[in-house]
Amino acid sequence: MAEIATIARPYAEASFRTALESGDLAAWSDGLALAGAIAADPQMASLLGNPRLSRAQKLEVFFGAGGDRLSGPVRNLVTILVDGARAVLLPQVGAQFESLKRAHESVVKVRIVSARALEDAERDDLVAHLASKYGRKVEATVEVDASLIGGARVHIGDEVIHASMRDALAQMAVALSR
């Protein structure tokens, strides 16, 4: 997995620079997300890996699936990757592009796992607190995991804020066992 990420990085960075220079981050973002989804489809992956099909046939099917939703620059990137037998990189290129875009826009992606469904006001308060703490806009997704008993866990990149009852009980059990 790390190898794919490493190989995809230059393509993502070049795409990001191009999108930034053209002032078209949103179109690139949408196009790369679509191209990544198409390339990740098992049938499409099989087709793209088929040595019996010509480059033109592979591109025709790929672009047929994407329709006119793939802009010219994204089509060029897809063509380069298909030519180099690297279309498998498209999902990772899209993911890394999104990371670069969020960093550029000062947005941090947060995953909140709560013991119960959060009301809108609770979610908004938590997002506002996190935005204040990290000094960035927060893009949050919320999940429910009743096994947390109470409270929540907040995932911000590699950092995890443990604020659930289950985590507190686990910490107390470790402390008492010493």
N, C-alpha and C. Protein backbone atom coordinates (compact mmCIF):
# COMPACT_ATOMS: atom_id res chain seq x y z
N MET A 1 0.83 -1.20 0.00
CA MET A 1 0.00 0.00 0.00
C MET A 1 0.86 1.25 0.00
N ALA A 2 1.93 1.24 0.80
CA ALA A 2 2.81 2.41 0.84
C ALA A 2 3.45 2.64 -0.51
N GLU A 3 3.73 1.55 -1.23
CA GLU A 3 4.36 1.68 -2.54
C GLU A 3 3.41 2.41 -3.50
N ILE A 4 2.14 2.06 -3.49
CA ILE A 4 1.17 2.72 -4.36
C ILE A 4 1.09 4.20 -4.00
N ALA A 5 1.06 4.50 -2.71
CA ALA A 5 1.00 5.90 -2.27
C ALA A 5 2.23 6.67 -2.74
N THR A 6 3.38 6.04 -2.67
CA THR A 6 4.62 6.69 -3.09
C THR A 6 4.63 6.95 -4.58
N ILE A 7 4.18 5.98 -5.35
CA ILE A 7 4.17 6.14 -6.81
C ILE A 7 3.12 7.16 -7.23
N ALA A 8 1.99 7.20 -6.51
CA ALA A 8 0.90 8.12 -6.86
C ALA A 8 1.21 9.57 -6.50
N ARG A 9 2.07 9.78 -5.52
CA ARG A 9 2.32 11.14 -5.00
C ARG A 9 2.73 12.16 -6.07
N PRO A 10 3.69 11.85 -6.95
CA PRO A 10 4.05 12.86 -7.96
C PRO A 10 2.89 13.23 -8.88
N TYR A 11 2.05 12.26 -9.21
CA TYR A 11 0.89 12.55 -10.05
C TYR A 11 -0.11 13.44 -9.32
N ALA A 12 -0.32 13.17 -8.03
CA ALA A 12 -1.23 13.99 -7.23
C ALA A 12 -0.69 15.41 -7.09
N GLU A 13 0.60 15.52 -6.81
CA GLU A 13 1.19 16.85 -6.63
C GLU A 13 1.17 17.65 -7.93
N ALA A 14 1.47 17.00 -9.04
CA ALA A 14 1.44 17.69 -10.34
C ALA A 14 0.02 18.11 -10.68
N SER A 15 -0.94 17.24 -10.41
CA SER A 15 -2.35 17.57 -10.66
C SER A 15 -2.78 18.75 -9.80
N PHE A 16 -2.36 18.74 -8.54
CA PHE A 16 -2.73 19.82 -7.63
C PHE A 16 -2.14 21.15 -8.10
N ARG A 17 -0.87 21.13 -8.47
CA ARG A 17 -0.23 22.37 -8.96
C ARG A 17 -0.95 22.89 -10.20
N THR A 18 -1.30 21.99 -11.11
CA THR A 18 -1.99 22.38 -12.34
C THR A 18 -3.36 22.96 -12.01
N ALA A 19 -4.08 22.31 -11.10
CA ALA A 19 -5.41 22.78 -10.71
C ALA A 19 -5.32 24.14 -10.03
N LEU A 20 -4.31 24.32 -9.20
CA LEU A 20 -4.13 25.59 -8.50
C LEU A 20 -3.80 26.71 -9.48
N GLU A 21 -2.91 26.44 -10.42
CA GLU A 21 -2.54 27.45 -11.42
C GLU A 21 -3.72 27.83 -12.31
N SER A 22 -4.57 26.86 -12.61
CA SER A 22 -5.73 27.15 -13.48
C SER A 22 -6.92 27.66 -12.68
N GLY A 23 -6.81 27.64 -11.34
CA GLY A 23 -7.91 28.09 -10.49
C GLY A 23 -9.13 27.18 -10.57
N ASP A 24 -8.88 25.89 -10.79
CA ASP A 24 -9.98 24.95 -11.01
C ASP A 24 -9.91 23.76 -10.06
N LEU A 25 -9.68 24.03 -8.78
CA LEU A 25 -9.56 22.96 -7.80
C LEU A 25 -10.81 22.09 -7.73
N ALA A 26 -11.98 22.70 -7.75
CA ALA A 26 -13.22 21.94 -7.60
C ALA A 26 -13.43 20.97 -8.76
N ALA A 27 -13.19 21.43 -9.98
CA ALA A 27 -13.39 20.55 -11.15
C ALA A 27 -12.39 19.40 -11.13
N TRP A 28 -11.15 19.70 -10.78
CA TRP A 28 -10.15 18.64 -10.68
C TRP A 28 -10.53 17.65 -9.59
N SER A 29 -10.98 18.16 -8.47
CA SER A 29 -11.37 17.30 -7.36
C SER A 29 -12.49 16.35 -7.77
N ASP A 30 -13.52 16.91 -8.40
CA ASP A 30 -14.63 16.08 -8.86
C ASP A 30 -14.18 15.07 -9.91
N GLY A 31 -13.36 15.52 -10.85
CA GLY A 31 -12.89 14.64 -11.92
C GLY A 31 -12.02 13.50 -11.41
N LEU A 32 -11.12 13.82 -10.48
CA LEU A 32 -10.27 12.77 -9.93
C LEU A 32 -11.05 11.79 -9.06
N ALA A 33 -12.05 12.29 -8.35
CA ALA A 33 -12.89 11.39 -7.55
C ALA A 33 -13.63 10.42 -8.47
N LEU A 34 -14.17 10.93 -9.56
CA LEU A 34 -14.88 10.08 -10.51
C LEU A 34 -13.92 9.10 -11.18
N ALA A 35 -12.77 9.58 -11.63
CA ALA A 35 -11.79 8.70 -12.28
C ALA A 35 -11.31 7.61 -11.33
N GLY A 36 -11.12 7.98 -10.07
CA GLY A 36 -10.70 7.00 -9.06
C GLY A 36 -11.76 5.94 -8.83
N ALA A 37 -13.03 6.37 -8.79
CA ALA A 37 -14.13 5.42 -8.60
C ALA A 37 -14.25 4.47 -9.79
N ILE A 38 -14.08 5.01 -10.98
CA ILE A 38 -14.15 4.18 -12.19
C ILE A 38 -13.01 3.16 -12.18
N ALA A 39 -11.79 3.61 -11.90
CA ALA A 39 -10.63 2.72 -11.90
C ALA A 39 -10.71 1.67 -10.80
N ALA A 40 -11.38 1.99 -9.69
CA ALA A 40 -11.48 1.06 -8.57
C ALA A 40 -12.53 -0.03 -8.80
N ASP A 41 -13.41 0.17 -9.77
CA ASP A 41 -14.42 -0.84 -10.07
C ASP A 41 -13.73 -2.13 -10.51
N PRO A 42 -14.08 -3.27 -9.93
CA PRO A 42 -13.39 -4.53 -10.28
C PRO A 42 -13.45 -4.88 -11.76
N GLN A 43 -14.58 -4.64 -12.40
CA GLN A 43 -14.68 -4.94 -13.83
C GLN A 43 -13.77 -4.02 -14.64
N MET A 44 -13.74 -2.76 -14.28
CA MET A 44 -12.88 -1.81 -14.99
C MET A 44 -11.41 -2.15 -14.75
N ALA A 45 -11.07 -2.50 -13.52
CA ALA A 45 -9.68 -2.87 -13.21
C ALA A 45 -9.25 -4.08 -14.04
N SER A 46 -10.16 -5.03 -14.18
CA SER A 46 -9.86 -6.21 -14.99
C SER A 46 -9.66 -5.83 -16.45
N LEU A 47 -10.51 -4.97 -16.93
CA LEU A 47 -10.41 -4.50 -18.32
C LEU A 47 -9.11 -3.74 -18.54
N LEU A 48 -8.76 -2.86 -17.63
CA LEU A 48 -7.54 -2.05 -17.77
C LEU A 48 -6.28 -2.91 -17.69
N GLY A 49 -6.37 -4.03 -17.00
CA GLY A 49 -5.22 -4.92 -16.88
C GLY A 49 -5.15 -5.97 -17.98
N ASN A 50 -6.12 -5.98 -18.87
CA ASN A 50 -6.17 -6.98 -19.94
C ASN A 50 -5.18 -6.62 -21.06
N PRO A 51 -4.16 -7.45 -21.26
CA PRO A 51 -3.16 -7.13 -22.28
C PRO A 51 -3.68 -7.30 -23.72
N ARG A 52 -4.80 -7.95 -23.88
CA ARG A 52 -5.36 -8.16 -25.22
C ARG A 52 -6.05 -6.93 -25.77
N LEU A 53 -6.41 -6.01 -24.88
CA LEU A 53 -7.08 -4.79 -25.32
C LEU A 53 -6.05 -3.71 -25.63
N SER A 54 -6.32 -2.97 -26.67
CA SER A 54 -5.42 -1.88 -27.03
C SER A 54 -5.63 -0.69 -26.09
N ARG A 55 -4.68 0.20 -26.12
CA ARG A 55 -4.77 1.44 -25.33
C ARG A 55 -6.04 2.19 -25.69
N ALA A 56 -6.33 2.30 -26.98
CA ALA A 56 -7.50 3.03 -27.44
C ALA A 56 -8.79 2.39 -26.93
N GLN A 57 -8.85 1.07 -26.91
CA GLN A 57 -10.04 0.38 -26.41
C GLN A 57 -10.24 0.64 -24.92
N LYS A 58 -9.15 0.56 -24.17
CA LYS A 58 -9.22 0.81 -22.73
C LYS A 58 -9.71 2.23 -22.45
N LEU A 59 -9.14 3.20 -23.17
CA LEU A 59 -9.53 4.59 -22.96
C LEU A 59 -10.98 4.83 -23.39
N GLU A 60 -11.40 4.20 -24.46
CA GLU A 60 -12.77 4.36 -24.94
C GLU A 60 -13.77 3.89 -23.88
N VAL A 61 -13.50 2.74 -23.29
CA VAL A 61 -14.40 2.21 -22.26
C VAL A 61 -14.34 3.10 -21.01
N PHE A 62 -13.13 3.51 -20.61
CA PHE A 62 -12.97 4.34 -19.42
C PHE A 62 -13.71 5.67 -19.60
N PHE A 63 -13.47 6.33 -20.71
CA PHE A 63 -14.11 7.62 -20.95
C PHE A 63 -15.60 7.47 -21.19
N GLY A 64 -16.02 6.32 -21.71
CA GLY A 64 -17.45 6.05 -21.86
C GLY A 64 -18.13 5.97 -20.50
N ALA A 65 -17.44 5.39 -19.54
CA ALA A 65 -17.99 5.30 -18.18
C ALA A 65 -18.05 6.67 -17.53
N GLY A 66 -17.05 7.51 -17.80
CA GLY A 66 -16.99 8.84 -17.19
C GLY A 66 -17.84 9.87 -17.91
N GLY A 67 -18.12 9.61 -19.16
CA GLY A 67 -18.90 10.57 -19.95
C GLY A 67 -18.22 11.91 -20.02
N ASP A 68 -19.03 12.95 -20.12
CA ASP A 68 -18.48 14.30 -20.23
C ASP A 68 -18.17 14.91 -18.87
N ARG A 69 -18.26 14.10 -17.81
CA ARG A 69 -17.96 14.60 -16.46
C ARG A 69 -16.46 14.66 -16.19
N LEU A 70 -15.65 14.08 -17.09
CA LEU A 70 -14.20 14.16 -16.96
C LEU A 70 -13.69 15.29 -17.84
N SER A 71 -13.06 16.28 -17.22
CA SER A 71 -12.55 17.43 -17.97
C SER A 71 -11.34 17.02 -18.80
N GLY A 72 -10.96 17.88 -19.72
CA GLY A 72 -9.81 17.62 -20.58
C GLY A 72 -8.53 17.31 -19.82
N PRO A 73 -8.16 18.13 -18.82
CA PRO A 73 -6.93 17.85 -18.08
C PRO A 73 -6.98 16.51 -17.32
N VAL A 74 -8.13 16.17 -16.76
CA VAL A 74 -8.25 14.89 -16.06
C VAL A 74 -8.16 13.75 -17.07
N ARG A 75 -8.76 13.93 -18.23
CA ARG A 75 -8.66 12.92 -19.30
C ARG A 75 -7.19 12.73 -19.70
N ASN A 76 -6.44 13.81 -19.76
CA ASN A 76 -5.02 13.70 -20.09
C ASN A 76 -4.27 12.88 -19.05
N LEU A 77 -4.57 13.12 -17.78
CA LEU A 77 -3.93 12.35 -16.72
C LEU A 77 -4.30 10.87 -16.83
N VAL A 78 -5.58 10.60 -17.05
CA VAL A 78 -6.03 9.21 -17.20
C VAL A 78 -5.29 8.55 -18.37
N THR A 79 -5.16 9.26 -19.47
CA THR A 79 -4.47 8.73 -20.64
C THR A 79 -3.01 8.39 -20.31
N ILE A 80 -2.35 9.28 -19.60
CA ILE A 80 -0.95 9.04 -19.20
C ILE A 80 -0.86 7.79 -18.33
N LEU A 81 -1.77 7.66 -17.37
CA LEU A 81 -1.73 6.52 -16.45
C LEU A 81 -2.09 5.22 -17.16
N VAL A 82 -3.05 5.25 -18.07
CA VAL A 82 -3.41 4.04 -18.82
C VAL A 82 -2.24 3.65 -19.73
N ASP A 83 -1.63 4.63 -20.38
CA ASP A 83 -0.48 4.35 -21.24
C ASP A 83 0.65 3.68 -20.47
N GLY A 84 0.87 4.11 -19.26
CA GLY A 84 1.95 3.56 -18.44
C GLY A 84 1.54 2.37 -17.60
N ALA A 85 0.35 1.81 -17.87
CA ALA A 85 -0.20 0.69 -17.10
C ALA A 85 -0.25 1.04 -15.61
N ARG A 86 -0.64 2.27 -15.31
CA ARG A 86 -0.70 2.74 -13.92
C ARG A 86 -2.08 3.28 -13.53
N ALA A 87 -3.10 2.87 -14.24
CA ALA A 87 -4.45 3.33 -13.94
C ALA A 87 -4.87 2.93 -12.53
N VAL A 88 -4.27 1.89 -11.99
CA VAL A 88 -4.57 1.44 -10.63
C VAL A 88 -4.25 2.54 -9.60
N LEU A 89 -3.43 3.51 -9.98
CA LEU A 89 -3.06 4.60 -9.08
C LEU A 89 -4.15 5.65 -8.92
N LEU A 90 -5.12 5.68 -9.83
CA LEU A 90 -6.10 6.77 -9.84
C LEU A 90 -6.82 6.99 -8.50
N PRO A 91 -7.30 5.94 -7.81
CA PRO A 91 -7.94 6.21 -6.50
C PRO A 91 -6.99 6.88 -5.51
N GLN A 92 -5.73 6.44 -5.49
CA GLN A 92 -4.76 7.02 -4.57
C GLN A 92 -4.38 8.44 -4.98
N VAL A 93 -4.27 8.70 -6.28
CA VAL A 93 -4.00 10.05 -6.77
C VAL A 93 -5.11 10.98 -6.31
N GLY A 94 -6.37 10.53 -6.45
CA GLY A 94 -7.51 11.33 -6.02
C GLY A 94 -7.49 11.60 -4.53
N ALA A 95 -7.17 10.58 -3.73
CA ALA A 95 -7.13 10.74 -2.28
C ALA A 95 -6.03 11.72 -1.87
N GLN A 96 -4.86 11.61 -2.48
CA GLN A 96 -3.77 12.52 -2.14
C GLN A 96 -4.07 13.94 -2.62
N PHE A 97 -4.71 14.06 -3.77
CA PHE A 97 -5.13 15.38 -4.26
C PHE A 97 -6.06 16.03 -3.24
N GLU A 98 -7.02 15.27 -2.72
CA GLU A 98 -7.95 15.80 -1.72
C GLU A 98 -7.23 16.25 -0.46
N SER A 99 -6.22 15.51 -0.04
CA SER A 99 -5.43 15.91 1.13
C SER A 99 -4.72 17.23 0.88
N LEU A 100 -4.12 17.36 -0.29
CA LEU A 100 -3.45 18.61 -0.64
C LEU A 100 -4.44 19.77 -0.70
N LYS A 101 -5.61 19.51 -1.25
CA LYS A 101 -6.65 20.54 -1.38
C LYS A 101 -7.13 20.98 0.01
N ARG A 102 -7.37 20.02 0.91
CA ARG A 102 -7.81 20.37 2.26
C ARG A 102 -6.74 21.19 2.98
N ALA A 103 -5.48 20.80 2.83
CA ALA A 103 -4.39 21.55 3.47
C ALA A 103 -4.32 22.97 2.92
N HIS A 104 -4.47 23.11 1.62
CA HIS A 104 -4.45 24.43 0.97
C HIS A 104 -5.60 25.30 1.47
N GLU A 105 -6.76 24.69 1.66
CA GLU A 105 -7.94 25.43 2.09
C GLU A 105 -8.06 25.50 3.61
N SER A 106 -7.04 25.05 4.32
CA SER A 106 -7.04 25.01 5.79
C SER A 106 -8.25 24.27 6.34
N VAL A 107 -8.47 23.10 5.79
CA VAL A 107 -9.58 22.25 6.24
C VAL A 107 -8.98 20.97 6.81
N VAL A 108 -9.47 20.57 7.96
CA VAL A 108 -9.04 19.32 8.57
C VAL A 108 -10.24 18.36 8.55
N LYS A 109 -9.98 17.13 8.15
CA LYS A 109 -11.04 16.12 8.10
C LYS A 109 -11.08 15.40 9.44
N VAL A 110 -12.27 15.33 10.03
CA VAL A 110 -12.44 14.76 11.36
C VAL A 110 -13.53 13.69 11.30
N ARG A 111 -13.26 12.57 12.00
CA ARG A 111 -14.27 11.52 12.12
C ARG A 111 -14.64 11.43 13.59
N ILE A 112 -15.91 11.66 13.87
CA ILE A 112 -16.42 11.61 15.24
C ILE A 112 -17.21 10.33 15.40
N VAL A 113 -16.81 9.51 16.37
CA VAL A 113 -17.54 8.27 16.66
C VAL A 113 -18.16 8.48 18.03
N SER A 114 -19.48 8.49 18.06
CA SER A 114 -20.22 8.80 19.28
C SER A 114 -21.01 7.58 19.75
N ALA A 115 -21.26 7.53 21.05
CA ALA A 115 -22.02 6.41 21.61
C ALA A 115 -23.50 6.48 21.22
N ARG A 116 -23.95 7.67 20.86
CA ARG A 116 -25.34 7.85 20.42
C ARG A 116 -25.38 8.90 19.33
N ALA A 117 -26.48 8.95 18.63
CA ALA A 117 -26.63 9.95 17.57
C ALA A 117 -26.56 11.35 18.19
N LEU A 118 -25.77 12.21 17.60
CA LEU A 118 -25.64 13.57 18.10
C LEU A 118 -26.72 14.46 17.51
N GLU A 119 -27.24 15.33 18.35
CA GLU A 119 -28.18 16.33 17.84
C GLU A 119 -27.37 17.36 17.06
N ASP A 120 -28.04 18.08 16.17
CA ASP A 120 -27.35 19.07 15.34
C ASP A 120 -26.58 20.09 16.17
N ALA A 121 -27.19 20.55 17.25
CA ALA A 121 -26.53 21.56 18.10
C ALA A 121 -25.27 20.98 18.75
N GLU A 122 -25.33 19.73 19.20
CA GLU A 122 -24.17 19.10 19.82
C GLU A 122 -23.04 18.93 18.79
N ARG A 123 -23.42 18.50 17.61
CA ARG A 123 -22.44 18.32 16.53
C ARG A 123 -21.79 19.66 16.19
N ASP A 124 -22.62 20.70 16.04
CA ASP A 124 -22.12 22.02 15.69
C ASP A 124 -21.18 22.57 16.76
N ASP A 125 -21.53 22.36 18.05
CA ASP A 125 -20.67 22.81 19.15
C ASP A 125 -19.32 22.10 19.12
N LEU A 126 -19.35 20.79 18.90
CA LEU A 126 -18.12 20.01 18.87
C LEU A 126 -17.25 20.44 17.68
N VAL A 127 -17.85 20.62 16.52
CA VAL A 127 -17.12 21.06 15.34
C VAL A 127 -16.52 22.45 15.57
N ALA A 128 -17.29 23.36 16.19
CA ALA A 128 -16.79 24.71 16.47
C ALA A 128 -15.61 24.66 17.44
N HIS A 129 -15.71 23.80 18.46
CA HIS A 129 -14.62 23.65 19.43
C HIS A 129 -13.36 23.12 18.73
N LEU A 130 -13.53 22.11 17.87
CA LEU A 130 -12.37 21.55 17.16
C LEU A 130 -11.76 22.57 16.19
N ALA A 131 -12.62 23.35 15.53
CA ALA A 131 -12.12 24.38 14.61
C ALA A 131 -11.31 25.42 15.38
N SER A 132 -11.77 25.78 16.57
CA SER A 132 -11.05 26.73 17.40
C SER A 132 -9.72 26.15 17.88
N LYS A 133 -9.76 24.89 18.30
CA LYS A 133 -8.55 24.24 18.82
C LYS A 133 -7.48 24.09 17.75
N TYR A 134 -7.87 23.71 16.54
CA TYR A 134 -6.89 23.45 15.48
C TYR A 134 -6.67 24.64 14.55
N GLY A 135 -7.47 25.69 14.70
CA GLY A 135 -7.30 26.88 13.88
C GLY A 135 -7.56 26.63 12.41
N ARG A 136 -8.42 25.68 12.11
CA ARG A 136 -8.75 25.34 10.72
C ARG A 136 -10.24 25.05 10.62
N LYS A 137 -10.74 25.10 9.40
CA LYS A 137 -12.12 24.68 9.17
C LYS A 137 -12.18 23.17 9.38
N VAL A 138 -13.30 22.68 9.89
CA VAL A 138 -13.44 21.26 10.18
C VAL A 138 -14.50 20.65 9.27
N GLU A 139 -14.12 19.58 8.62
CA GLU A 139 -15.04 18.79 7.78
C GLU A 139 -15.28 17.49 8.56
N ALA A 140 -16.45 17.36 9.17
CA ALA A 140 -16.69 16.24 10.08
C ALA A 140 -17.68 15.23 9.53
N THR A 141 -17.38 13.96 9.82
CA THR A 141 -18.34 12.89 9.60
C THR A 141 -18.62 12.30 10.97
N VAL A 142 -19.86 11.90 11.19
CA VAL A 142 -20.26 11.37 12.49
C VAL A 142 -20.78 9.95 12.32
N GLU A 143 -20.29 9.07 13.20
CA GLU A 143 -20.73 7.69 13.23
C GLU A 143 -21.22 7.37 14.64
N VAL A 144 -22.05 6.33 14.74
CA VAL A 144 -22.53 5.91 16.05
C VAL A 144 -21.98 4.52 16.35
N ASP A 145 -21.43 4.36 17.56
CA ASP A 145 -20.93 3.07 18.04
C ASP A 145 -21.37 2.93 19.49
N ALA A 146 -22.47 2.20 19.69
CA ALA A 146 -23.05 2.07 21.03
C ALA A 146 -22.10 1.39 22.01
N SER A 147 -21.10 0.65 21.52
CA SER A 147 -20.17 -0.03 22.42
C SER A 147 -19.27 0.94 23.18
N LEU A 148 -19.29 2.22 22.81
CA LEU A 148 -18.50 3.21 23.54
C LEU A 148 -19.14 3.54 24.89
N ILE A 149 -20.36 3.12 25.10
CA ILE A 149 -21.14 3.31 26.34
C ILE A 149 -21.60 4.75 26.50
N GLY A 150 -20.72 5.68 26.41
CA GLY A 150 -21.03 7.10 26.52
C GLY A 150 -19.87 7.92 25.97
N GLY A 151 -20.12 9.17 25.64
CA GLY A 151 -19.06 10.03 25.13
C GLY A 151 -18.77 9.79 23.66
N ALA A 152 -17.52 10.07 23.28
CA ALA A 152 -17.16 9.96 21.86
C ALA A 152 -15.66 9.78 21.71
N ARG A 153 -15.27 9.41 20.51
CA ARG A 153 -13.89 9.35 20.08
C ARG A 153 -13.78 10.24 18.86
N VAL A 154 -12.75 11.06 18.82
CA VAL A 154 -12.56 11.98 17.69
C VAL A 154 -11.24 11.63 17.00
N HIS A 155 -11.32 11.32 15.71
CA HIS A 155 -10.15 10.97 14.91
C HIS A 155 -9.80 12.14 14.01
N ILE A 156 -8.60 12.67 14.19
CA ILE A 156 -8.11 13.80 13.40
C ILE A 156 -6.76 13.37 12.84
N GLY A 157 -6.75 12.93 11.60
CA GLY A 157 -5.52 12.40 11.01
C GLY A 157 -5.05 11.21 11.83
N ASP A 158 -3.82 11.27 12.32
CA ASP A 158 -3.27 10.18 13.13
C ASP A 158 -3.59 10.34 14.61
N GLU A 159 -4.16 11.45 14.98
CA GLU A 159 -4.46 11.73 16.38
C GLU A 159 -5.86 11.23 16.73
N VAL A 160 -5.99 10.64 17.92
CA VAL A 160 -7.30 10.19 18.40
C VAL A 160 -7.52 10.79 19.78
N ILE A 161 -8.64 11.46 19.95
CA ILE A 161 -9.02 12.00 21.25
C ILE A 161 -10.01 11.01 21.86
N HIS A 162 -9.60 10.38 22.94
CA HIS A 162 -10.43 9.38 23.61
C HIS A 162 -11.26 10.07 24.69
N ALA A 163 -12.55 10.18 24.45
CA ALA A 163 -13.44 10.81 25.43
C ALA A 163 -14.68 9.96 25.62
N SER A 164 -14.51 8.63 25.56
CA SER A 164 -15.66 7.75 25.73
C SER A 164 -15.57 7.04 27.07
N MET A 165 -16.69 6.55 27.53
CA MET A 165 -16.74 5.81 28.79
C MET A 165 -15.93 4.52 28.67
N ARG A 166 -16.03 3.85 27.53
CA ARG A 166 -15.29 2.60 27.35
C ARG A 166 -13.79 2.85 27.47
N ASP A 167 -13.30 3.93 26.89
CA ASP A 167 -11.87 4.24 26.98
C ASP A 167 -11.48 4.58 28.42
N ALA A 168 -12.34 5.32 29.11
CA ALA A 168 -12.05 5.68 30.50
C ALA A 168 -12.02 4.43 31.39
N LEU A 169 -12.96 3.51 31.17
CA LEU A 169 -12.98 2.28 31.95
C LEU A 169 -11.74 1.42 31.65
N ALA A 170 -11.32 1.38 30.41
CA ALA A 170 -10.14 0.62 30.04
C ALA A 170 -8.89 1.21 30.71
N GLN A 171 -8.80 2.54 30.75
CA GLN A 171 -7.66 3.19 31.41
C GLN A 171 -7.66 2.91 32.91
N MET A 172 -8.85 2.92 33.53
CA MET A 172 -8.94 2.61 34.95
C MET A 172 -8.56 1.17 35.22
N ALA A 173 -8.95 0.25 34.35
CA ALA A 173 -8.61 -1.16 34.53
C ALA A 173 -7.10 -1.35 34.47
N VAL A 174 -6.43 -0.66 33.58
CA VAL A 174 -4.98 -0.76 33.46
C VAL A 174 -4.33 -0.19 34.73
N ALA A 175 -4.83 0.95 35.18
CA ALA A 175 -4.27 1.57 36.39
C ALA A 175 -4.46 0.69 37.61
N LEU A 176 -5.60 0.05 37.74
CA LEU A 176 -5.88 -0.80 38.90
C LEU A 176 -5.11 -2.12 38.86
N SER A 177 -4.73 -2.56 37.68
CA SER A 177 -4.01 -3.83 37.56
C SER A 177 -2.54 -3.69 37.89
N ARG A 178 -2.05 -2.48 38.07
CA ARG A 178 -0.62 -2.25 38.36
C ARG A 178 -0.32 -2.45 39.81
